[in-house]
Amino acid sequence: MTPTRIFISSVQREFARDREHLRDYLRGDPLMRRFFEVFLFENVPASDR
C-alpha cells in the first residue's frame, strides 16, 4: 500500500515548531508512518525554477 502524502504548511513563522513536532510525530509513530508520508516545504532545497 502506498502511503498518503501529507503536506504540512503555514506562512506563519510562529507555527514552525508545531509543524516540526507534527512531522516528527507522524514519522515516529509506527502505525502512522505506515499510512502517511510527511512533506514539509522547508526541507526542500531552493530551486532556480
N, C-alpha and C. Protein backbone atom coordinates (compact mmCIF):
# COMPACT_ATOMS: atom_id res chain seq x y z
N MET A 1 0.84 -1.18 0.00
CA MET A 1 0.00 0.00 0.00
C MET A 1 0.89 1.25 0.00
N THR A 2 0.61 2.18 -0.87
CA THR A 2 1.37 3.42 -0.96
C THR A 2 0.87 4.40 0.10
N PRO A 3 1.79 4.96 0.89
CA PRO A 3 1.35 5.92 1.92
C PRO A 3 0.78 7.19 1.31
N THR A 4 -0.17 7.77 1.99
CA THR A 4 -0.74 9.05 1.59
C THR A 4 0.25 10.14 1.96
N ARG A 5 0.50 11.03 1.04
CA ARG A 5 1.46 12.11 1.27
C ARG A 5 0.73 13.29 1.91
N ILE A 6 1.26 13.76 3.04
CA ILE A 6 0.68 14.89 3.76
C ILE A 6 1.62 16.08 3.64
N PHE A 7 1.08 17.19 3.17
CA PHE A 7 1.85 18.43 3.05
C PHE A 7 1.48 19.32 4.23
N ILE A 8 2.45 19.63 5.07
CA ILE A 8 2.22 20.49 6.23
C ILE A 8 2.83 21.85 5.93
N SER A 9 1.98 22.88 5.96
CA SER A 9 2.45 24.20 5.59
C SER A 9 1.72 25.28 6.39
N SER A 10 2.40 26.39 6.55
CA SER A 10 1.82 27.58 7.15
C SER A 10 2.75 28.74 6.82
N VAL A 11 2.18 29.89 6.55
CA VAL A 11 3.00 31.05 6.25
C VAL A 11 3.43 31.77 7.52
N GLN A 12 2.91 31.34 8.64
CA GLN A 12 3.22 32.00 9.91
C GLN A 12 4.42 31.32 10.57
N ARG A 13 5.44 32.11 10.84
CA ARG A 13 6.67 31.57 11.43
C ARG A 13 6.47 31.00 12.83
N GLU A 14 5.51 31.53 13.56
CA GLU A 14 5.31 31.03 14.93
C GLU A 14 4.81 29.59 14.97
N PHE A 15 4.38 29.04 13.82
CA PHE A 15 3.95 27.65 13.77
C PHE A 15 5.05 26.71 13.28
N ALA A 16 6.25 27.22 13.06
CA ALA A 16 7.35 26.39 12.55
C ALA A 16 7.63 25.21 13.49
N ARG A 17 7.68 25.47 14.76
CA ARG A 17 7.95 24.39 15.73
C ARG A 17 6.81 23.37 15.75
N ASP A 18 5.58 23.86 15.63
CA ASP A 18 4.43 22.96 15.60
C ASP A 18 4.46 22.05 14.37
N ARG A 19 4.84 22.61 13.23
CA ARG A 19 4.96 21.80 12.01
C ARG A 19 6.01 20.71 12.18
N GLU A 20 7.13 21.07 12.79
CA GLU A 20 8.20 20.08 13.01
C GLU A 20 7.76 18.99 13.99
N HIS A 21 7.05 19.38 15.04
CA HIS A 21 6.56 18.39 16.01
C HIS A 21 5.57 17.44 15.36
N LEU A 22 4.68 17.98 14.54
CA LEU A 22 3.71 17.13 13.85
C LEU A 22 4.42 16.18 12.89
N ARG A 23 5.40 16.69 12.15
CA ARG A 23 6.18 15.84 11.25
C ARG A 23 6.87 14.72 12.02
N ASP A 24 7.53 15.07 13.12
CA ASP A 24 8.24 14.07 13.92
C ASP A 24 7.30 13.03 14.51
N TYR A 25 6.12 13.47 14.93
CA TYR A 25 5.14 12.53 15.48
C TYR A 25 4.68 11.54 14.41
N LEU A 26 4.31 12.06 13.24
CA LEU A 26 3.82 11.19 12.18
C LEU A 26 4.90 10.23 11.68
N ARG A 27 6.14 10.69 11.61
CA ARG A 27 7.24 9.82 11.18
C ARG A 27 7.66 8.82 12.25
N GLY A 28 7.48 9.19 13.52
CA GLY A 28 7.94 8.35 14.61
C GLY A 28 6.93 7.32 15.07
N ASP A 29 5.67 7.54 14.84
CA ASP A 29 4.62 6.61 15.27
C ASP A 29 4.58 5.42 14.30
N PRO A 30 4.73 4.19 14.82
CA PRO A 30 4.78 3.01 13.95
C PRO A 30 3.55 2.83 13.06
N LEU A 31 2.39 3.14 13.57
CA LEU A 31 1.17 2.98 12.78
C LEU A 31 1.03 4.11 11.75
N MET A 32 1.25 5.33 12.18
CA MET A 32 1.08 6.48 11.29
C MET A 32 2.05 6.46 10.11
N ARG A 33 3.29 6.07 10.36
CA ARG A 33 4.26 6.10 9.27
C ARG A 33 3.98 5.03 8.22
N ARG A 34 3.17 4.03 8.55
CA ARG A 34 2.77 3.03 7.55
C ARG A 34 1.79 3.61 6.55
N PHE A 35 1.01 4.60 6.97
CA PHE A 35 -0.05 5.13 6.13
C PHE A 35 0.20 6.53 5.59
N PHE A 36 1.15 7.26 6.19
CA PHE A 36 1.36 8.65 5.81
C PHE A 36 2.84 8.96 5.58
N GLU A 37 3.10 9.76 4.57
CA GLU A 37 4.43 10.28 4.30
C GLU A 37 4.33 11.80 4.44
N VAL A 38 5.16 12.38 5.28
CA VAL A 38 5.07 13.81 5.58
C VAL A 38 6.02 14.60 4.69
N PHE A 39 5.52 15.73 4.19
CA PHE A 39 6.30 16.61 3.34
C PHE A 39 6.23 18.02 3.91
N LEU A 40 7.38 18.57 4.27
CA LEU A 40 7.47 19.95 4.72
C LEU A 40 8.24 20.74 3.67
N PHE A 41 7.68 21.85 3.25
CA PHE A 41 8.30 22.67 2.21
C PHE A 41 9.67 23.19 2.67
N GLU A 42 9.84 23.43 3.96
CA GLU A 42 11.10 23.95 4.48
C GLU A 42 12.26 22.99 4.28
N ASN A 43 11.97 21.70 4.13
CA ASN A 43 13.01 20.69 4.00
C ASN A 43 13.50 20.50 2.57
N VAL A 44 12.89 21.21 1.62
CA VAL A 44 13.26 21.07 0.21
C VAL A 44 14.24 22.19 -0.14
N PRO A 45 15.35 21.86 -0.77
CA PRO A 45 16.30 22.92 -1.15
C PRO A 45 15.69 23.87 -2.18
N ALA A 46 16.18 25.08 -2.18
CA ALA A 46 15.68 26.08 -3.11
C ALA A 46 15.98 25.65 -4.55
N SER A 47 15.09 26.03 -5.44
CA SER A 47 15.24 25.69 -6.84
C SER A 47 15.33 26.97 -7.66
N ASP A 48 16.00 26.88 -8.80
CA ASP A 48 16.11 28.06 -9.65
C ASP A 48 14.93 28.20 -10.60
N ARG A 49 13.94 27.40 -10.44
CA ARG A 49 12.73 27.46 -11.30
C ARG A 49 11.65 28.29 -10.66
